[in-house]
Amino acid sequence: MKESRKWLNKRSLLFILGGVFIGIAIFAVTAGSLKATDSAEFCSTCHVMDTAYATFTDSNHATLTCNDCHTPRDSMASKLIFKSKAGLSHMYMNTIGADDIPDVIHAKETSKEVVNDSCISCHSPSLSNVDYHDTKDSCIDCHRTVPHGNGMYKPEDWFTPGEVDARS
């Protein structure tokens, strides 16, 4: 009887230690993946992001990561879900759907909302003096070239998203 209990205790201990080891390994891989896919260098690996990357690295926002602005900030869960959906979509478009990649990428409404919320989250102290009475619906309606342009407002007919302004 004692012999079987001793075996059971060793077996339980090995099972627990194995579970802890697997948990640590999963955490390390997940944390490493999240860190690696946050960088602007990672985002620039897709050719359609060449212009966005070039203009971003010369902007005032260059110290941020792409995901500082392009993923939700309200919780880690919403960030992971949003990032996973976007990542799967981007992987599909850059592999199977590569023939359908547009030259100019237009953000979907959910992405525009996330970016706008990020603008407000970081810039809320400086927004206290802004009169919203005659403003558009979101920050990017006027500041759509930030940080992927020279940061100045340009009317739509002067600027096509995805093109660097030759006058800059």
N, C-alpha and C. Protein backbone atom coordinates (compact mmCIF):
# COMPACT_ATOMS: atom_id res chain seq x y z
N MET A 1 0.81 -1.19 0.00
CA MET A 1 0.00 0.00 0.00
C MET A 1 0.86 1.26 0.00
N LYS A 2 1.87 1.30 0.89
CA LYS A 2 2.76 2.46 0.93
C LYS A 2 3.50 2.61 -0.39
N GLU A 3 3.87 1.47 -0.97
CA GLU A 3 4.58 1.47 -2.24
C GLU A 3 3.74 2.15 -3.34
N SER A 4 2.45 1.86 -3.38
CA SER A 4 1.59 2.45 -4.42
C SER A 4 1.37 3.95 -4.17
N ARG A 5 1.27 4.34 -2.89
CA ARG A 5 1.15 5.76 -2.56
C ARG A 5 2.40 6.54 -2.95
N LYS A 6 3.53 5.94 -2.72
CA LYS A 6 4.79 6.58 -3.05
C LYS A 6 4.86 6.79 -4.57
N TRP A 7 4.46 5.76 -5.33
CA TRP A 7 4.44 5.87 -6.79
C TRP A 7 3.46 6.94 -7.24
N LEU A 8 2.29 6.98 -6.60
CA LEU A 8 1.27 7.96 -6.94
C LEU A 8 1.77 9.38 -6.66
N ASN A 9 2.46 9.58 -5.54
CA ASN A 9 3.01 10.89 -5.21
C ASN A 9 4.08 11.32 -6.21
N LYS A 10 4.95 10.39 -6.60
CA LYS A 10 5.97 10.70 -7.60
C LYS A 10 5.32 11.03 -8.94
N ARG A 11 4.33 10.26 -9.28
CA ARG A 11 3.62 10.47 -10.55
C ARG A 11 2.91 11.82 -10.54
N SER A 12 2.26 12.15 -9.43
CA SER A 12 1.57 13.46 -9.33
C SER A 12 2.57 14.60 -9.40
N LEU A 13 3.68 14.44 -8.71
CA LEU A 13 4.71 15.47 -8.73
C LEU A 13 5.26 15.67 -10.15
N LEU A 14 5.54 14.58 -10.85
CA LEU A 14 6.02 14.68 -12.23
C LEU A 14 4.96 15.35 -13.11
N PHE A 15 3.72 15.01 -12.92
CA PHE A 15 2.62 15.60 -13.71
C PHE A 15 2.53 17.11 -13.44
N ILE A 16 2.62 17.49 -12.20
CA ILE A 16 2.55 18.91 -11.82
C ILE A 16 3.75 19.66 -12.39
N LEU A 17 4.95 19.12 -12.21
CA LEU A 17 6.16 19.77 -12.74
C LEU A 17 6.11 19.87 -14.27
N GLY A 18 5.62 18.83 -14.92
CA GLY A 18 5.47 18.86 -16.37
C GLY A 18 4.50 19.95 -16.80
N GLY A 19 3.39 20.07 -16.07
CA GLY A 19 2.40 21.11 -16.38
C GLY A 19 2.98 22.50 -16.18
N VAL A 20 3.75 22.69 -15.11
CA VAL A 20 4.39 23.99 -14.86
C VAL A 20 5.38 24.31 -15.98
N PHE A 21 6.18 23.32 -16.36
CA PHE A 21 7.16 23.52 -17.44
C PHE A 21 6.46 23.89 -18.75
N ILE A 22 5.40 23.17 -19.10
CA ILE A 22 4.65 23.46 -20.33
C ILE A 22 4.03 24.85 -20.25
N GLY A 23 3.49 25.22 -19.09
CA GLY A 23 2.91 26.54 -18.90
C GLY A 23 3.93 27.65 -19.09
N ILE A 24 5.12 27.47 -18.54
CA ILE A 24 6.19 28.46 -18.68
C ILE A 24 6.62 28.55 -20.15
N ALA A 25 6.73 27.42 -20.82
CA ALA A 25 7.13 27.41 -22.23
C ALA A 25 6.08 28.13 -23.08
N ILE A 26 4.81 27.87 -22.85
CA ILE A 26 3.74 28.54 -23.60
C ILE A 26 3.77 30.04 -23.33
N PHE A 27 3.95 30.43 -22.09
CA PHE A 27 4.03 31.85 -21.75
C PHE A 27 5.21 32.52 -22.45
N ALA A 28 6.37 31.86 -22.43
CA ALA A 28 7.57 32.44 -23.06
C ALA A 28 7.39 32.60 -24.57
N VAL A 29 6.83 31.59 -25.21
CA VAL A 29 6.62 31.66 -26.66
C VAL A 29 5.60 32.75 -26.98
N THR A 30 4.52 32.83 -26.21
CA THR A 30 3.49 33.84 -26.44
C THR A 30 4.06 35.24 -26.23
N ALA A 31 4.78 35.45 -25.13
CA ALA A 31 5.37 36.76 -24.85
C ALA A 31 6.38 37.14 -25.93
N GLY A 32 7.20 36.20 -26.36
CA GLY A 32 8.17 36.47 -27.41
C GLY A 32 7.49 36.80 -28.73
N SER A 33 6.43 36.09 -29.05
CA SER A 33 5.69 36.35 -30.30
C SER A 33 5.03 37.72 -30.26
N LEU A 34 4.44 38.06 -29.12
CA LEU A 34 3.80 39.37 -29.00
C LEU A 34 4.82 40.49 -29.15
N LYS A 35 5.96 40.33 -28.54
CA LYS A 35 7.02 41.35 -28.63
C LYS A 35 7.52 41.48 -30.07
N ALA A 36 7.77 40.34 -30.71
CA ALA A 36 8.32 40.36 -32.08
C ALA A 36 7.33 40.97 -33.07
N THR A 37 6.05 40.69 -32.90
CA THR A 37 5.05 41.19 -33.86
C THR A 37 4.57 42.59 -33.53
N ASP A 38 5.11 43.22 -32.51
CA ASP A 38 4.79 44.61 -32.18
C ASP A 38 5.66 45.60 -32.93
N SER A 39 6.78 45.16 -33.45
CA SER A 39 7.75 46.09 -34.01
C SER A 39 7.34 46.59 -35.40
N ALA A 40 7.76 47.79 -35.70
CA ALA A 40 7.52 48.36 -37.03
C ALA A 40 8.29 47.56 -38.08
N GLU A 41 9.42 47.02 -37.71
CA GLU A 41 10.20 46.21 -38.65
C GLU A 41 9.41 44.98 -39.07
N PHE A 42 8.71 44.36 -38.13
CA PHE A 42 7.88 43.20 -38.47
C PHE A 42 6.77 43.61 -39.42
N CYS A 43 6.10 44.71 -39.12
CA CYS A 43 4.99 45.17 -39.96
C CYS A 43 5.48 45.53 -41.36
N SER A 44 6.72 45.98 -41.48
CA SER A 44 7.24 46.42 -42.78
C SER A 44 7.62 45.25 -43.67
N THR A 45 7.53 44.03 -43.19
CA THR A 45 7.89 42.88 -44.02
C THR A 45 6.90 42.66 -45.16
N CYS A 46 5.72 43.26 -45.08
CA CYS A 46 4.77 43.18 -46.19
C CYS A 46 5.01 44.37 -47.11
N HIS A 47 5.09 44.11 -48.42
CA HIS A 47 5.47 45.18 -49.36
C HIS A 47 4.48 46.34 -49.35
N VAL A 48 3.22 46.09 -49.05
CA VAL A 48 2.25 47.19 -49.06
C VAL A 48 2.47 48.15 -47.91
N MET A 49 3.31 47.78 -46.97
CA MET A 49 3.58 48.64 -45.82
C MET A 49 4.85 49.46 -46.00
N ASP A 50 5.50 49.35 -47.13
CA ASP A 50 6.76 50.08 -47.37
C ASP A 50 6.61 51.58 -47.10
N THR A 51 5.60 52.19 -47.70
CA THR A 51 5.40 53.63 -47.54
C THR A 51 5.05 53.98 -46.10
N ALA A 52 4.16 53.19 -45.50
CA ALA A 52 3.77 53.44 -44.12
C ALA A 52 4.99 53.35 -43.20
N TYR A 53 5.84 52.35 -43.42
CA TYR A 53 7.02 52.19 -42.60
C TYR A 53 8.00 53.35 -42.79
N ALA A 54 8.24 53.72 -44.03
CA ALA A 54 9.19 54.80 -44.33
C ALA A 54 8.74 56.11 -43.70
N THR A 55 7.47 56.43 -43.80
CA THR A 55 6.98 57.69 -43.26
C THR A 55 6.90 57.63 -41.74
N PHE A 56 6.55 56.46 -41.19
CA PHE A 56 6.46 56.29 -39.74
C PHE A 56 7.81 56.49 -39.07
N THR A 57 8.86 55.92 -39.64
CA THR A 57 10.18 56.00 -39.01
C THR A 57 10.74 57.42 -39.00
N ASP A 58 10.19 58.29 -39.83
CA ASP A 58 10.62 59.69 -39.85
C ASP A 58 9.66 60.61 -39.10
N SER A 59 8.71 60.03 -38.39
CA SER A 59 7.70 60.84 -37.72
C SER A 59 8.00 61.03 -36.23
N ASN A 60 7.21 61.88 -35.59
CA ASN A 60 7.33 62.09 -34.14
C ASN A 60 6.89 60.86 -33.36
N HIS A 61 6.18 59.96 -34.01
CA HIS A 61 5.67 58.75 -33.35
C HIS A 61 6.61 57.55 -33.50
N ALA A 62 7.78 57.74 -34.06
CA ALA A 62 8.69 56.63 -34.39
C ALA A 62 9.14 55.83 -33.18
N THR A 63 9.03 56.38 -31.99
CA THR A 63 9.43 55.63 -30.79
C THR A 63 8.35 54.65 -30.34
N LEU A 64 7.17 54.74 -30.93
CA LEU A 64 6.08 53.83 -30.60
C LEU A 64 6.18 52.57 -31.44
N THR A 65 5.37 51.57 -31.09
CA THR A 65 5.24 50.40 -31.96
C THR A 65 3.96 50.57 -32.76
N CYS A 66 3.84 49.82 -33.83
CA CYS A 66 2.62 49.90 -34.65
C CYS A 66 1.39 49.59 -33.80
N ASN A 67 1.54 48.61 -32.92
CA ASN A 67 0.40 48.18 -32.12
C ASN A 67 0.04 49.15 -30.99
N ASP A 68 0.91 50.11 -30.71
CA ASP A 68 0.54 51.14 -29.74
C ASP A 68 -0.67 51.92 -30.24
N CYS A 69 -0.76 52.07 -31.55
CA CYS A 69 -1.87 52.83 -32.16
C CYS A 69 -2.91 51.93 -32.82
N HIS A 70 -2.49 50.79 -33.32
CA HIS A 70 -3.36 49.97 -34.17
C HIS A 70 -4.02 48.79 -33.46
N THR A 71 -3.89 48.69 -32.14
CA THR A 71 -4.63 47.67 -31.39
C THR A 71 -5.30 48.34 -30.19
N PRO A 72 -6.41 47.76 -29.72
CA PRO A 72 -7.13 48.36 -28.59
C PRO A 72 -6.27 48.44 -27.34
N ARG A 73 -6.57 49.43 -26.51
CA ARG A 73 -5.81 49.67 -25.28
C ARG A 73 -6.62 49.34 -24.03
N ASP A 74 -7.89 48.98 -24.19
CA ASP A 74 -8.75 48.82 -23.02
C ASP A 74 -8.42 47.58 -22.19
N SER A 75 -7.97 46.50 -22.81
CA SER A 75 -7.58 45.32 -22.05
C SER A 75 -6.64 44.46 -22.88
N MET A 76 -5.87 43.64 -22.22
CA MET A 76 -4.96 42.73 -22.92
C MET A 76 -5.76 41.72 -23.75
N ALA A 77 -6.90 41.29 -23.25
CA ALA A 77 -7.72 40.33 -23.99
C ALA A 77 -8.20 40.93 -25.31
N SER A 78 -8.72 42.16 -25.27
CA SER A 78 -9.20 42.76 -26.52
C SER A 78 -8.05 43.02 -27.48
N LYS A 79 -6.88 43.38 -26.94
CA LYS A 79 -5.71 43.58 -27.80
C LYS A 79 -5.33 42.27 -28.48
N LEU A 80 -5.30 41.17 -27.73
CA LEU A 80 -4.91 39.89 -28.29
C LEU A 80 -5.91 39.41 -29.34
N ILE A 81 -7.19 39.58 -29.07
CA ILE A 81 -8.23 39.15 -30.02
C ILE A 81 -8.12 39.97 -31.30
N PHE A 82 -8.03 41.29 -31.15
CA PHE A 82 -7.93 42.17 -32.32
C PHE A 82 -6.68 41.87 -33.13
N LYS A 83 -5.55 41.72 -32.42
CA LYS A 83 -4.27 41.46 -33.07
C LYS A 83 -4.28 40.11 -33.78
N SER A 84 -4.92 39.11 -33.17
CA SER A 84 -5.01 37.79 -33.79
C SER A 84 -5.83 37.83 -35.06
N LYS A 85 -6.99 38.48 -34.99
CA LYS A 85 -7.84 38.58 -36.19
C LYS A 85 -7.11 39.32 -37.31
N ALA A 86 -6.51 40.45 -36.98
CA ALA A 86 -5.78 41.23 -37.98
C ALA A 86 -4.60 40.43 -38.54
N GLY A 87 -3.88 39.76 -37.68
CA GLY A 87 -2.73 38.97 -38.11
C GLY A 87 -3.13 37.85 -39.05
N LEU A 88 -4.21 37.15 -38.74
CA LEU A 88 -4.67 36.08 -39.62
C LEU A 88 -5.12 36.64 -40.97
N SER A 89 -5.80 37.78 -40.93
CA SER A 89 -6.24 38.42 -42.17
C SER A 89 -5.04 38.85 -43.01
N HIS A 90 -4.04 39.44 -42.36
CA HIS A 90 -2.84 39.89 -43.08
C HIS A 90 -2.05 38.70 -43.65
N MET A 91 -1.96 37.62 -42.86
CA MET A 91 -1.27 36.43 -43.35
C MET A 91 -1.98 35.86 -44.58
N TYR A 92 -3.30 35.80 -44.52
CA TYR A 92 -4.07 35.30 -45.66
C TYR A 92 -3.82 36.16 -46.90
N MET A 93 -3.93 37.48 -46.73
CA MET A 93 -3.78 38.38 -47.88
C MET A 93 -2.37 38.33 -48.46
N ASN A 94 -1.37 38.06 -47.64
CA ASN A 94 0.00 38.05 -48.13
C ASN A 94 0.46 36.66 -48.58
N THR A 95 -0.42 35.68 -48.52
CA THR A 95 -0.08 34.33 -49.00
C THR A 95 -1.12 33.89 -50.03
N ILE A 96 -2.22 33.38 -49.57
CA ILE A 96 -3.26 32.86 -50.46
C ILE A 96 -3.91 33.96 -51.29
N GLY A 97 -4.21 35.09 -50.67
CA GLY A 97 -4.91 36.17 -51.37
C GLY A 97 -3.98 37.22 -51.95
N ALA A 98 -2.72 36.85 -52.18
CA ALA A 98 -1.72 37.84 -52.61
C ALA A 98 -2.09 38.56 -53.91
N ASP A 99 -2.86 37.92 -54.77
CA ASP A 99 -3.24 38.57 -56.02
C ASP A 99 -4.25 39.69 -55.80
N ASP A 100 -4.90 39.69 -54.64
CA ASP A 100 -5.94 40.68 -54.35
C ASP A 100 -5.47 41.84 -53.49
N ILE A 101 -4.17 41.91 -53.19
CA ILE A 101 -3.66 42.98 -52.33
C ILE A 101 -3.75 44.31 -53.07
N PRO A 102 -4.46 45.26 -52.49
CA PRO A 102 -4.54 46.57 -53.15
C PRO A 102 -3.24 47.36 -52.97
N ASP A 103 -3.00 48.30 -53.87
CA ASP A 103 -1.83 49.16 -53.73
C ASP A 103 -2.00 50.13 -52.58
N VAL A 104 -3.25 50.49 -52.30
CA VAL A 104 -3.56 51.41 -51.23
C VAL A 104 -4.46 50.69 -50.24
N ILE A 105 -4.09 50.70 -48.98
CA ILE A 105 -4.89 50.04 -47.96
C ILE A 105 -5.77 51.07 -47.28
N HIS A 106 -7.04 50.77 -47.20
CA HIS A 106 -7.98 51.63 -46.50
C HIS A 106 -8.42 50.91 -45.23
N ALA A 107 -8.31 51.58 -44.10
CA ALA A 107 -8.66 50.98 -42.82
C ALA A 107 -10.16 50.72 -42.74
N LYS A 108 -10.51 49.59 -42.11
CA LYS A 108 -11.91 49.28 -41.86
C LYS A 108 -12.38 50.13 -40.69
N GLU A 109 -13.69 50.23 -40.53
CA GLU A 109 -14.25 51.08 -39.48
C GLU A 109 -13.74 50.68 -38.09
N THR A 110 -13.63 49.36 -37.82
CA THR A 110 -13.14 48.94 -36.50
C THR A 110 -11.71 49.42 -36.27
N SER A 111 -10.89 49.38 -37.32
CA SER A 111 -9.51 49.85 -37.19
C SER A 111 -9.46 51.36 -36.99
N LYS A 112 -10.31 52.09 -37.72
CA LYS A 112 -10.35 53.54 -37.55
C LYS A 112 -10.74 53.91 -36.12
N GLU A 113 -11.69 53.17 -35.56
CA GLU A 113 -12.14 53.43 -34.19
C GLU A 113 -11.00 53.18 -33.20
N VAL A 114 -10.27 52.09 -33.40
CA VAL A 114 -9.15 51.76 -32.51
C VAL A 114 -8.07 52.84 -32.59
N VAL A 115 -7.73 53.26 -33.80
CA VAL A 115 -6.70 54.29 -33.97
C VAL A 115 -7.15 55.60 -33.34
N ASN A 116 -8.39 55.98 -33.56
CA ASN A 116 -8.91 57.22 -32.98
C ASN A 116 -8.86 57.16 -31.45
N ASP A 117 -9.26 56.02 -30.88
CA ASP A 117 -9.21 55.85 -29.42
C ASP A 117 -7.78 55.96 -28.91
N SER A 118 -6.83 55.45 -29.70
CA SER A 118 -5.41 55.55 -29.31
C SER A 118 -4.94 56.99 -29.33
N CYS A 119 -5.37 57.75 -30.33
CA CYS A 119 -5.00 59.17 -30.40
C CYS A 119 -5.49 59.87 -29.13
N ILE A 120 -6.75 59.65 -28.81
CA ILE A 120 -7.36 60.30 -27.65
C ILE A 120 -6.68 59.85 -26.36
N SER A 121 -6.35 58.57 -26.28
CA SER A 121 -5.72 58.04 -25.07
C SER A 121 -4.40 58.73 -24.77
N CYS A 122 -3.57 58.93 -25.79
CA CYS A 122 -2.27 59.56 -25.58
C CYS A 122 -2.34 61.08 -25.53
N HIS A 123 -3.22 61.64 -26.32
CA HIS A 123 -3.24 63.10 -26.47
C HIS A 123 -4.35 63.80 -25.68
N SER A 124 -5.05 63.09 -24.81
CA SER A 124 -6.16 63.71 -24.08
C SER A 124 -5.76 64.94 -23.28
N PRO A 125 -4.57 65.01 -22.68
CA PRO A 125 -4.21 66.25 -21.96
C PRO A 125 -4.21 67.48 -22.88
N SER A 126 -3.75 67.30 -24.11
CA SER A 126 -3.69 68.45 -25.02
C SER A 126 -5.02 68.71 -25.72
N LEU A 127 -5.98 67.82 -25.55
CA LEU A 127 -7.28 67.99 -26.19
C LEU A 127 -8.25 68.82 -25.35
N SER A 128 -7.88 69.13 -24.13
CA SER A 128 -8.80 69.86 -23.26
C SER A 128 -9.14 71.25 -23.80
N ASN A 129 -8.27 71.81 -24.63
CA ASN A 129 -8.52 73.14 -25.19
C ASN A 129 -9.12 73.11 -26.59
N VAL A 130 -9.43 71.91 -27.08
CA VAL A 130 -9.95 71.78 -28.44
C VAL A 130 -11.46 71.96 -28.43
N ASP A 131 -11.95 72.79 -29.33
CA ASP A 131 -13.39 72.98 -29.49
C ASP A 131 -13.88 71.96 -30.51
N TYR A 132 -14.66 70.99 -30.06
CA TYR A 132 -15.14 69.93 -30.92
C TYR A 132 -16.38 70.31 -31.72
N HIS A 133 -16.88 71.51 -31.55
CA HIS A 133 -18.15 71.90 -32.17
C HIS A 133 -18.17 71.68 -33.68
N ASP A 134 -17.15 72.12 -34.37
CA ASP A 134 -17.14 71.99 -35.83
C ASP A 134 -16.15 70.93 -36.31
N THR A 135 -15.78 70.02 -35.44
CA THR A 135 -14.81 69.00 -35.84
C THR A 135 -15.50 67.86 -36.57
N LYS A 136 -14.69 67.06 -37.21
CA LYS A 136 -15.20 65.87 -37.91
C LYS A 136 -15.45 64.78 -36.87
N ASP A 137 -15.74 63.59 -37.34
CA ASP A 137 -16.08 62.49 -36.46
C ASP A 137 -14.89 61.91 -35.69
N SER A 138 -13.71 61.99 -36.25
CA SER A 138 -12.56 61.40 -35.58
C SER A 138 -11.30 62.20 -35.84
N CYS A 139 -10.29 61.90 -35.06
CA CYS A 139 -8.99 62.58 -35.19
C CYS A 139 -8.43 62.40 -36.60
N ILE A 140 -8.54 61.18 -37.12
CA ILE A 140 -7.91 60.90 -38.41
C ILE A 140 -8.63 61.53 -39.59
N ASP A 141 -9.81 62.08 -39.37
CA ASP A 141 -10.46 62.81 -40.46
C ASP A 141 -9.61 64.01 -40.88
N CYS A 142 -8.96 64.64 -39.94
CA CYS A 142 -8.08 65.78 -40.26
C CYS A 142 -6.60 65.41 -40.21
N HIS A 143 -6.25 64.50 -39.32
CA HIS A 143 -4.84 64.17 -39.09
C HIS A 143 -4.50 62.80 -39.68
N ARG A 144 -5.04 62.48 -40.84
CA ARG A 144 -4.89 61.15 -41.39
C ARG A 144 -3.49 60.84 -41.90
N THR A 145 -2.64 61.81 -42.03
CA THR A 145 -1.27 61.55 -42.46
C THR A 145 -0.33 61.37 -41.28
N VAL A 146 -0.84 61.41 -40.07
CA VAL A 146 -0.03 61.24 -38.87
C VAL A 146 -0.13 59.78 -38.45
N PRO A 147 0.92 59.07 -38.25
CA PRO A 147 2.31 59.42 -38.48
C PRO A 147 2.82 58.96 -39.83
N HIS A 148 1.91 58.59 -40.73
CA HIS A 148 2.32 58.03 -42.01
C HIS A 148 2.37 59.08 -43.12
N GLY A 149 2.88 60.22 -42.81
CA GLY A 149 3.02 61.30 -43.76
C GLY A 149 3.81 62.39 -43.08
N ASN A 150 3.70 63.61 -43.54
CA ASN A 150 4.50 64.66 -42.93
C ASN A 150 3.80 65.32 -41.76
N GLY A 151 2.63 64.81 -41.38
CA GLY A 151 1.95 65.31 -40.19
C GLY A 151 1.10 66.53 -40.40
N MET A 152 1.02 67.03 -41.62
CA MET A 152 0.21 68.21 -41.89
C MET A 152 -1.07 67.79 -42.60
N TYR A 153 -2.14 68.51 -42.35
CA TYR A 153 -3.41 68.21 -43.00
C TYR A 153 -3.30 68.48 -44.49
N LYS A 154 -3.80 67.54 -45.27
CA LYS A 154 -3.85 67.73 -46.71
C LYS A 154 -5.26 67.35 -47.17
N PRO A 155 -5.91 68.18 -47.96
CA PRO A 155 -7.20 67.79 -48.49
C PRO A 155 -7.08 66.50 -49.29
N GLU A 156 -8.15 65.71 -49.32
CA GLU A 156 -8.12 64.39 -49.92
C GLU A 156 -7.60 64.39 -51.36
N ASP A 157 -7.94 65.43 -52.15
CA ASP A 157 -7.51 65.42 -53.55
C ASP A 157 -6.01 65.69 -53.70
N TRP A 158 -5.32 66.08 -52.63
CA TRP A 158 -3.89 66.29 -52.70
C TRP A 158 -3.12 65.04 -52.29
N PHE A 159 -3.79 64.10 -51.68
CA PHE A 159 -3.09 63.01 -51.03
C PHE A 159 -3.83 61.70 -51.23
N THR A 160 -3.14 60.68 -51.66
CA THR A 160 -3.70 59.34 -51.75
C THR A 160 -3.02 58.50 -50.69
N PRO A 161 -3.78 57.88 -49.77
CA PRO A 161 -3.14 57.05 -48.75
C PRO A 161 -2.24 56.00 -49.40
N GLY A 162 -1.08 55.78 -48.81
CA GLY A 162 -0.14 54.82 -49.33
C GLY A 162 0.91 55.45 -50.24
N GLU A 163 0.80 56.73 -50.54
CA GLU A 163 1.79 57.42 -51.36
C GLU A 163 2.52 58.44 -50.50
N VAL A 164 3.81 58.53 -50.65
CA VAL A 164 4.57 59.55 -49.94
C VAL A 164 4.42 60.86 -50.73
N ASP A 165 4.18 61.93 -50.03
CA ASP A 165 4.04 63.23 -50.67
C ASP A 165 5.39 63.64 -51.26
N ALA A 166 5.43 63.85 -52.56
CA ALA A 166 6.69 64.20 -53.24
C ALA A 166 7.19 65.57 -52.81
N ARG A 167 6.30 66.43 -52.27
CA ARG A 167 6.72 67.77 -51.86
C ARG A 167 7.41 67.77 -50.51
N SER A 168 7.35 66.69 -49.77
CA SER A 168 7.92 66.64 -48.42
C SER A 168 9.42 66.67 -48.46
